[in-house]
Amino acid sequence: MRQQQQQHGFAAKLSTGFVLALLFTYQKLATTSFTLLNCVPVGNRSVLFVQGTIECYQVHLLLISSCINENN
């Protein structure tokens, strides 16, 4: 009986740790994605904040944004 309780306690701790790791990973991925897709106005055009030579709202950026929004 005691061994069964110990196994149940270990499984609960393991699953809790897995869920917490998953949540921290998701938070980091979401933050990084929104940072990379942050658009700022420069002159008369809108460009990515981290790479000022790439214009926003191009097809590939719209596809990435829609995938992120679909998953949230």
N, C-alpha and C. Protein backbone atom coordinates (compact mmCIF):
# COMPACT_ATOMS: atom_id res chain seq x y z
N MET A 1 0.82 -1.19 0.00
CA MET A 1 0.00 0.00 0.00
C MET A 1 0.87 1.27 0.00
N ARG A 2 1.91 1.25 0.84
CA ARG A 2 2.78 2.42 0.95
C ARG A 2 3.54 2.65 -0.36
N GLN A 3 3.98 1.59 -1.01
CA GLN A 3 4.72 1.73 -2.27
C GLN A 3 3.81 2.31 -3.35
N GLN A 4 2.55 1.94 -3.34
CA GLN A 4 1.60 2.47 -4.32
C GLN A 4 1.40 3.97 -4.10
N GLN A 5 1.36 4.40 -2.85
CA GLN A 5 1.21 5.83 -2.55
C GLN A 5 2.45 6.60 -3.00
N GLN A 6 3.63 6.01 -2.80
CA GLN A 6 4.86 6.66 -3.22
C GLN A 6 4.91 6.81 -4.74
N GLN A 7 4.46 5.79 -5.46
CA GLN A 7 4.45 5.85 -6.92
C GLN A 7 3.46 6.91 -7.40
N HIS A 8 2.31 6.98 -6.73
CA HIS A 8 1.31 7.99 -7.11
C HIS A 8 1.86 9.39 -6.85
N GLY A 9 2.55 9.59 -5.72
CA GLY A 9 3.15 10.89 -5.41
C GLY A 9 4.21 11.28 -6.42
N PHE A 10 5.02 10.31 -6.82
CA PHE A 10 6.06 10.58 -7.81
C PHE A 10 5.44 10.95 -9.16
N ALA A 11 4.40 10.22 -9.57
CA ALA A 11 3.74 10.51 -10.85
C ALA A 11 3.11 11.90 -10.83
N ALA A 12 2.54 12.30 -9.70
CA ALA A 12 1.94 13.63 -9.59
C ALA A 12 3.01 14.71 -9.69
N LYS A 13 4.13 14.50 -9.02
CA LYS A 13 5.22 15.47 -9.09
C LYS A 13 5.81 15.55 -10.49
N LEU A 14 5.95 14.41 -11.12
CA LEU A 14 6.49 14.38 -12.47
C LEU A 14 5.57 15.09 -13.46
N SER A 15 4.28 14.84 -13.37
CA SER A 15 3.34 15.49 -14.29
C SER A 15 3.25 16.98 -14.02
N THR A 16 3.33 17.38 -12.75
CA THR A 16 3.32 18.80 -12.41
C THR A 16 4.55 19.50 -12.97
N GLY A 17 5.70 18.86 -12.85
CA GLY A 17 6.93 19.43 -13.40
C GLY A 17 6.87 19.54 -14.92
N PHE A 18 6.30 18.55 -15.56
CA PHE A 18 6.17 18.58 -17.02
C PHE A 18 5.27 19.73 -17.46
N VAL A 19 4.15 19.91 -16.79
CA VAL A 19 3.21 20.97 -17.15
C VAL A 19 3.86 22.34 -16.93
N LEU A 20 4.57 22.50 -15.82
CA LEU A 20 5.25 23.78 -15.56
C LEU A 20 6.31 24.07 -16.62
N ALA A 21 7.09 23.06 -16.99
CA ALA A 21 8.10 23.25 -18.03
C ALA A 21 7.44 23.63 -19.35
N LEU A 22 6.32 23.00 -19.67
CA LEU A 22 5.59 23.32 -20.89
C LEU A 22 5.07 24.75 -20.87
N LEU A 23 4.55 25.20 -19.74
CA LEU A 23 4.05 26.57 -19.64
C LEU A 23 5.17 27.60 -19.76
N PHE A 24 6.31 27.35 -19.12
CA PHE A 24 7.43 28.29 -19.23
C PHE A 24 7.95 28.35 -20.66
N THR A 25 8.00 27.20 -21.33
CA THR A 25 8.45 27.16 -22.72
C THR A 25 7.49 27.92 -23.62
N TYR A 26 6.18 27.71 -23.42
CA TYR A 26 5.18 28.41 -24.22
C TYR A 26 5.29 29.92 -24.03
N GLN A 27 5.47 30.35 -22.79
CA GLN A 27 5.58 31.78 -22.50
C GLN A 27 6.78 32.38 -23.21
N LYS A 28 7.90 31.69 -23.18
CA LYS A 28 9.12 32.20 -23.83
C LYS A 28 8.93 32.24 -25.36
N LEU A 29 8.33 31.20 -25.93
CA LEU A 29 8.10 31.19 -27.37
C LEU A 29 7.14 32.29 -27.80
N ALA A 30 6.09 32.51 -27.03
CA ALA A 30 5.12 33.56 -27.37
C ALA A 30 5.76 34.94 -27.29
N THR A 31 6.52 35.18 -26.22
CA THR A 31 7.19 36.47 -26.07
C THR A 31 8.18 36.72 -27.20
N THR A 32 8.96 35.72 -27.54
CA THR A 32 9.94 35.86 -28.62
C THR A 32 9.25 36.09 -29.96
N SER A 33 8.16 35.37 -30.22
CA SER A 33 7.44 35.53 -31.48
C SER A 33 6.89 36.94 -31.63
N PHE A 34 6.28 37.46 -30.58
CA PHE A 34 5.72 38.80 -30.68
C PHE A 34 6.81 39.87 -30.76
N THR A 35 7.95 39.62 -30.13
CA THR A 35 9.07 40.55 -30.25
C THR A 35 9.59 40.59 -31.68
N LEU A 36 9.72 39.42 -32.30
CA LEU A 36 10.24 39.36 -33.66
C LEU A 36 9.26 39.94 -34.68
N LEU A 37 7.97 39.88 -34.39
CA LEU A 37 6.96 40.37 -35.34
C LEU A 37 6.48 41.78 -35.02
N ASN A 38 7.19 42.49 -34.16
CA ASN A 38 6.81 43.85 -33.78
C ASN A 38 7.15 44.81 -34.92
N CYS A 39 6.14 45.48 -35.43
CA CYS A 39 6.32 46.43 -36.53
C CYS A 39 6.33 47.87 -35.99
N VAL A 40 7.22 48.68 -36.55
CA VAL A 40 7.31 50.09 -36.17
C VAL A 40 7.34 50.95 -37.43
N PRO A 41 6.76 52.14 -37.35
CA PRO A 41 6.80 53.04 -38.51
C PRO A 41 8.16 53.72 -38.63
N VAL A 42 8.70 53.70 -39.84
CA VAL A 42 9.94 54.41 -40.14
C VAL A 42 9.69 55.18 -41.43
N GLY A 43 9.61 56.47 -41.29
CA GLY A 43 9.27 57.29 -42.46
C GLY A 43 7.85 57.00 -42.90
N ASN A 44 7.71 56.63 -44.16
CA ASN A 44 6.37 56.35 -44.69
C ASN A 44 6.10 54.85 -44.84
N ARG A 45 6.90 54.01 -44.20
CA ARG A 45 6.66 52.57 -44.28
C ARG A 45 6.79 51.93 -42.91
N SER A 46 6.30 50.72 -42.80
CA SER A 46 6.33 49.98 -41.54
C SER A 46 7.32 48.83 -41.68
N VAL A 47 8.27 48.73 -40.75
CA VAL A 47 9.31 47.70 -40.81
C VAL A 47 9.36 46.94 -39.49
N LEU A 48 10.02 45.78 -39.54
CA LEU A 48 10.21 45.01 -38.32
C LEU A 48 11.17 45.74 -37.39
N PHE A 49 10.88 45.72 -36.11
CA PHE A 49 11.71 46.42 -35.13
C PHE A 49 13.12 45.84 -35.06
N VAL A 50 13.24 44.49 -35.11
CA VAL A 50 14.55 43.87 -34.96
C VAL A 50 15.36 43.85 -36.25
N GLN A 51 14.70 44.02 -37.39
CA GLN A 51 15.40 44.04 -38.69
C GLN A 51 14.74 45.11 -39.55
N GLY A 52 15.27 46.30 -39.48
CA GLY A 52 14.65 47.45 -40.12
C GLY A 52 14.61 47.43 -41.63
N THR A 53 15.21 46.44 -42.27
CA THR A 53 15.18 46.38 -43.73
C THR A 53 14.01 45.54 -44.26
N ILE A 54 13.31 44.85 -43.39
CA ILE A 54 12.19 43.99 -43.81
C ILE A 54 10.88 44.72 -43.54
N GLU A 55 10.12 44.94 -44.60
CA GLU A 55 8.83 45.62 -44.46
C GLU A 55 7.80 44.68 -43.86
N CYS A 56 6.92 45.26 -43.05
CA CYS A 56 5.86 44.47 -42.43
C CYS A 56 4.73 44.20 -43.43
N TYR A 57 3.89 43.29 -43.06
CA TYR A 57 2.69 42.94 -43.81
C TYR A 57 3.00 42.34 -45.18
N GLN A 58 4.14 41.69 -45.31
CA GLN A 58 4.42 40.90 -46.49
C GLN A 58 3.76 39.54 -46.31
N VAL A 59 3.62 38.79 -47.36
CA VAL A 59 2.86 37.54 -47.34
C VAL A 59 3.40 36.56 -46.30
N HIS A 60 4.72 36.37 -46.27
CA HIS A 60 5.27 35.38 -45.33
C HIS A 60 5.07 35.82 -43.88
N LEU A 61 5.09 37.11 -43.60
CA LEU A 61 4.85 37.58 -42.24
C LEU A 61 3.39 37.42 -41.86
N LEU A 62 2.49 37.63 -42.80
CA LEU A 62 1.07 37.44 -42.52
C LEU A 62 0.76 35.97 -42.24
N LEU A 63 1.40 35.07 -42.96
CA LEU A 63 1.20 33.65 -42.71
C LEU A 63 1.70 33.25 -41.32
N ILE A 64 2.85 33.75 -40.94
CA ILE A 64 3.39 33.45 -39.61
C ILE A 64 2.47 34.02 -38.53
N SER A 65 2.01 35.25 -38.72
CA SER A 65 1.13 35.88 -37.74
C SER A 65 -0.18 35.11 -37.61
N SER A 66 -0.72 34.66 -38.71
CA SER A 66 -1.99 33.92 -38.64
C SER A 66 -1.80 32.59 -37.95
N CYS A 67 -0.67 31.94 -38.14
CA CYS A 67 -0.40 30.69 -37.44
C CYS A 67 -0.29 30.90 -35.94
N ILE A 68 0.36 31.98 -35.54
CA ILE A 68 0.49 32.28 -34.11
C ILE A 68 -0.87 32.59 -33.51
N ASN A 69 -1.67 33.41 -34.21
CA ASN A 69 -2.99 33.77 -33.70
C ASN A 69 -3.91 32.57 -33.64
N GLU A 70 -3.79 31.64 -34.55
CA GLU A 70 -4.62 30.45 -34.55
C GLU A 70 -4.32 29.57 -33.34
N ASN A 71 -3.05 29.52 -32.93
CA ASN A 71 -2.66 28.66 -31.82
C ASN A 71 -2.94 29.29 -30.47
N ASN A 72 -3.22 30.58 -30.41
CA ASN A 72 -3.47 31.23 -29.12
C ASN A 72 -4.92 31.24 -28.80
